[in-house]
Amino acid sequence: MRYNDRVKIITNQKADNDGWDDEVKPITSDWLPCRITGVGDELNMGVFGKYESGAQEIHFKNKVPNMDYVLIDETVKRKPTVIKQARKNTVVIIGSV
């Protein structure tokens, strides 16, 4: 599989306060190599419960830590619906806007 696409991962971390505020600071990673493909019909129905035409799968070559958002092309920010980790790979399924 070729990993020609690039995405950034955004993870929210709690700011180090005295425990009074629930302030969250987003941390953005560097560009990560991946492969972006469409989602098959069966997986689409299994994950979303309906057919979502804009759903995509993002395949990472290595294990990727938990994420809150995926940033595609610096403009598209989507929240992952499902994160699968199998063997040494990570697959993230995101829906359309």
C-alpha atoms as a PDB file:
ATOM      1  CA  MET A   1       0.000   0.000   0.000  1.00  0.00           C
ATOM      2  CA  ARG A   2       1.320   3.439  -0.854  1.00  0.00           C
ATOM      3  CA  TYR A   3       1.118   6.157   1.747  1.00  0.00           C
ATOM      4  CA  ASN A   4       1.184   9.244  -0.493  1.00  0.00           C
ATOM      5  CA  ASP A   5      -1.392  11.375   1.333  1.00  0.00           C
ATOM      6  CA  ARG A   6      -0.650  13.574   4.350  1.00  0.00           C
ATOM      7  CA  VAL A   7      -2.832  14.540   7.320  1.00  0.00           C
ATOM      8  CA  LYS A   8      -2.329  16.207  10.686  1.00  0.00           C
ATOM      9  CA  ILE A   9      -3.725  14.909  13.973  1.00  0.00           C
ATOM     10  CA  ILE A  10      -5.174  17.246  16.604  1.00  0.00           C
ATOM     11  CA  THR A  11      -5.227  16.068  20.213  1.00  0.00           C
ATOM     12  CA  ASN A  12      -6.842  18.047  23.020  1.00  0.00           C
ATOM     13  CA  GLN A  13      -4.890  18.146  26.284  1.00  0.00           C
ATOM     14  CA  LYS A  14      -6.029  19.694  29.514  1.00  0.00           C
ATOM     15  CA  ALA A  15      -4.071  22.771  30.502  1.00  0.00           C
ATOM     16  CA  ASP A  16      -2.127  22.488  33.729  1.00  0.00           C
ATOM     17  CA  ASN A  17      -4.265  24.595  36.033  1.00  0.00           C
ATOM     18  CA  ASP A  18      -5.097  24.317  39.701  1.00  0.00           C
ATOM     19  CA  GLY A  19      -8.026  22.064  38.868  1.00  0.00           C
ATOM     20  CA  TRP A  20     -10.557  24.896  38.825  1.00  0.00           C
ATOM     21  CA  ASP A  21     -10.865  25.314  35.072  1.00  0.00           C
ATOM     22  CA  ASP A  22     -11.425  22.732  32.367  1.00  0.00           C
ATOM     23  CA  GLU A  23      -9.269  24.590  29.874  1.00  0.00           C
ATOM     24  CA  VAL A  24      -8.220  22.508  26.867  1.00  0.00           C
ATOM     25  CA  LYS A  25      -5.242  23.198  24.621  1.00  0.00           C
ATOM     26  CA  PRO A  26      -5.183  21.655  21.102  1.00  0.00           C
ATOM     27  CA  ILE A  27      -1.879  20.086  20.047  1.00  0.00           C
ATOM     28  CA  THR A  28      -1.316  19.593  16.326  1.00  0.00           C
ATOM     29  CA  SER A  29       1.129  17.012  14.994  1.00  0.00           C
ATOM     30  CA  ASP A  30       3.354  17.277  11.938  1.00  0.00           C
ATOM     31  CA  TRP A  31       2.240  15.916   8.585  1.00  0.00           C
ATOM     32  CA  LEU A  32       1.817  12.141   8.870  1.00  0.00           C
ATOM     33  CA  PRO A  33       1.963   9.799   5.857  1.00  0.00           C
ATOM     34  CA  CYS A  34      -1.277   7.945   5.219  1.00  0.00           C
ATOM     35  CA  ARG A  35      -3.585   6.635   2.541  1.00  0.00           C
ATOM     36  CA  ILE A  36      -7.082   8.051   2.163  1.00  0.00           C
ATOM     37  CA  THR A  37      -9.677   5.803   0.526  1.00  0.00           C
ATOM     38  CA  GLY A  38     -13.431   5.546   0.313  1.00  0.00           C
ATOM     39  CA  VAL A  39     -15.454   3.317   2.612  1.00  0.00           C
ATOM     40  CA  GLY A  40     -17.162   0.191   1.267  1.00  0.00           C
ATOM     41  CA  ASP A  41     -20.932  -0.167   1.411  1.00  0.00           C
ATOM     42  CA  GLU A  42     -21.008  -2.835   4.143  1.00  0.00           C
ATOM     43  CA  LEU A  43     -18.598  -0.992   6.425  1.00  0.00           C
ATOM     44  CA  ASN A  44     -20.446   2.251   5.750  1.00  0.00           C
ATOM     45  CA  MET A  45     -23.766   0.722   6.822  1.00  0.00           C
ATOM     46  CA  GLY A  46     -22.174  -0.994   9.816  1.00  0.00           C
ATOM     47  CA  VAL A  47     -20.514   2.145  11.186  1.00  0.00           C
ATOM     48  CA  PHE A  48     -23.028   4.879  10.388  1.00  0.00           C
ATOM     49  CA  GLY A  49     -26.272   2.877  10.151  1.00  0.00           C
ATOM     50  CA  LYS A  50     -27.035   4.561   6.833  1.00  0.00           C
ATOM     51  CA  TYR A  51     -25.181   5.206   3.595  1.00  0.00           C
ATOM     52  CA  GLU A  52     -22.901   8.207   3.961  1.00  0.00           C
ATOM     53  CA  SER A  53     -21.449   9.125   0.575  1.00  0.00           C
ATOM     54  CA  GLY A  54     -18.651  11.345   1.922  1.00  0.00           C
ATOM     55  CA  ALA A  55     -17.198   8.823   4.383  1.00  0.00           C
ATOM     56  CA  GLN A  56     -13.477   8.113   4.127  1.00  0.00           C
ATOM     57  CA  GLU A  57     -10.931   5.701   5.580  1.00  0.00           C
ATOM     58  CA  ILE A  58      -7.493   6.928   6.582  1.00  0.00           C
ATOM     59  CA  HIS A  59      -4.846   4.196   6.786  1.00  0.00           C
ATOM     60  CA  PHE A  60      -1.715   4.948   8.827  1.00  0.00           C
ATOM     61  CA  LYS A  61       1.382   2.793   8.480  1.00  0.00           C
ATOM     62  CA  ASN A  62       2.180   2.706  12.204  1.00  0.00           C
ATOM     63  CA  LYS A  63       0.175   2.823  15.401  1.00  0.00           C
ATOM     64  CA  VAL A  64      -1.071   6.344  16.000  1.00  0.00           C
ATOM     65  CA  PRO A  65      -2.070   7.592  19.459  1.00  0.00           C
ATOM     66  CA  ASN A  66      -5.665   8.558  20.181  1.00  0.00           C
ATOM     67  CA  MET A  67      -6.857  11.636  18.383  1.00  0.00           C
ATOM     68  CA  ASP A  68      -9.707  14.118  18.677  1.00  0.00           C
ATOM     69  CA  TYR A  69      -9.664  15.513  15.125  1.00  0.00           C
ATOM     70  CA  VAL A  70      -8.040  14.829  11.764  1.00  0.00           C
ATOM     71  CA  LEU A  71      -6.931  17.787   9.643  1.00  0.00           C
ATOM     72  CA  ILE A  72      -6.913  17.161   5.889  1.00  0.00           C
ATOM     73  CA  ASP A  73      -5.393  19.736   3.499  1.00  0.00           C
ATOM     74  CA  GLU A  74      -5.115  22.376   6.277  1.00  0.00           C
ATOM     75  CA  THR A  75      -8.803  23.242   5.811  1.00  0.00           C
ATOM     76  CA  VAL A  76     -10.957  20.169   6.451  1.00  0.00           C
ATOM     77  CA  LYS A  77     -11.243  19.271  10.151  1.00  0.00           C
ATOM     78  CA  ARG A  78     -13.212  16.109  10.932  1.00  0.00           C
ATOM     79  CA  LYS A  79     -13.860  14.094  14.061  1.00  0.00           C
ATOM     80  CA  PRO A  80     -13.114  10.353  13.778  1.00  0.00           C
ATOM     81  CA  THR A  81     -16.081   8.015  14.097  1.00  0.00           C
ATOM     82  CA  VAL A  82     -14.133   4.770  14.518  1.00  0.00           C
ATOM     83  CA  ILE A  83     -10.439   4.147  15.248  1.00  0.00           C
ATOM     84  CA  LYS A  84      -9.238   0.588  14.588  1.00  0.00           C
ATOM     85  CA  GLN A  85      -5.780  -0.580  15.566  1.00  0.00           C
ATOM     86  CA  ALA A  86      -4.755  -3.898  14.063  1.00  0.00           C
ATOM     87  CA  ARG A  87      -1.246  -5.333  14.039  1.00  0.00           C
ATOM     88  CA  LYS A  88       1.057  -2.403  13.272  1.00  0.00           C
ATOM     89  CA  ASN A  89      -1.517  -0.251  11.460  1.00  0.00           C
ATOM     90  CA  THR A  90      -4.208   2.227  12.421  1.00  0.00           C
ATOM     91  CA  VAL A  91      -7.396   2.808  10.420  1.00  0.00           C
ATOM     92  CA  VAL A  92      -9.522   5.886  11.114  1.00  0.00           C
ATOM     93  CA  ILE A  93     -13.028   6.203   9.652  1.00  0.00           C
ATOM     94  CA  ILE A  94     -14.433   9.710   9.301  1.00  0.00           C
ATOM     95  CA  GLY A  95     -17.815  10.853   8.060  1.00  0.00           C
ATOM     96  CA  SER A  96     -18.706  13.745   5.824  1.00  0.00           C
ATOM     97  CA  VAL A  97     -19.400  17.213   7.159  1.00  0.00           C
END
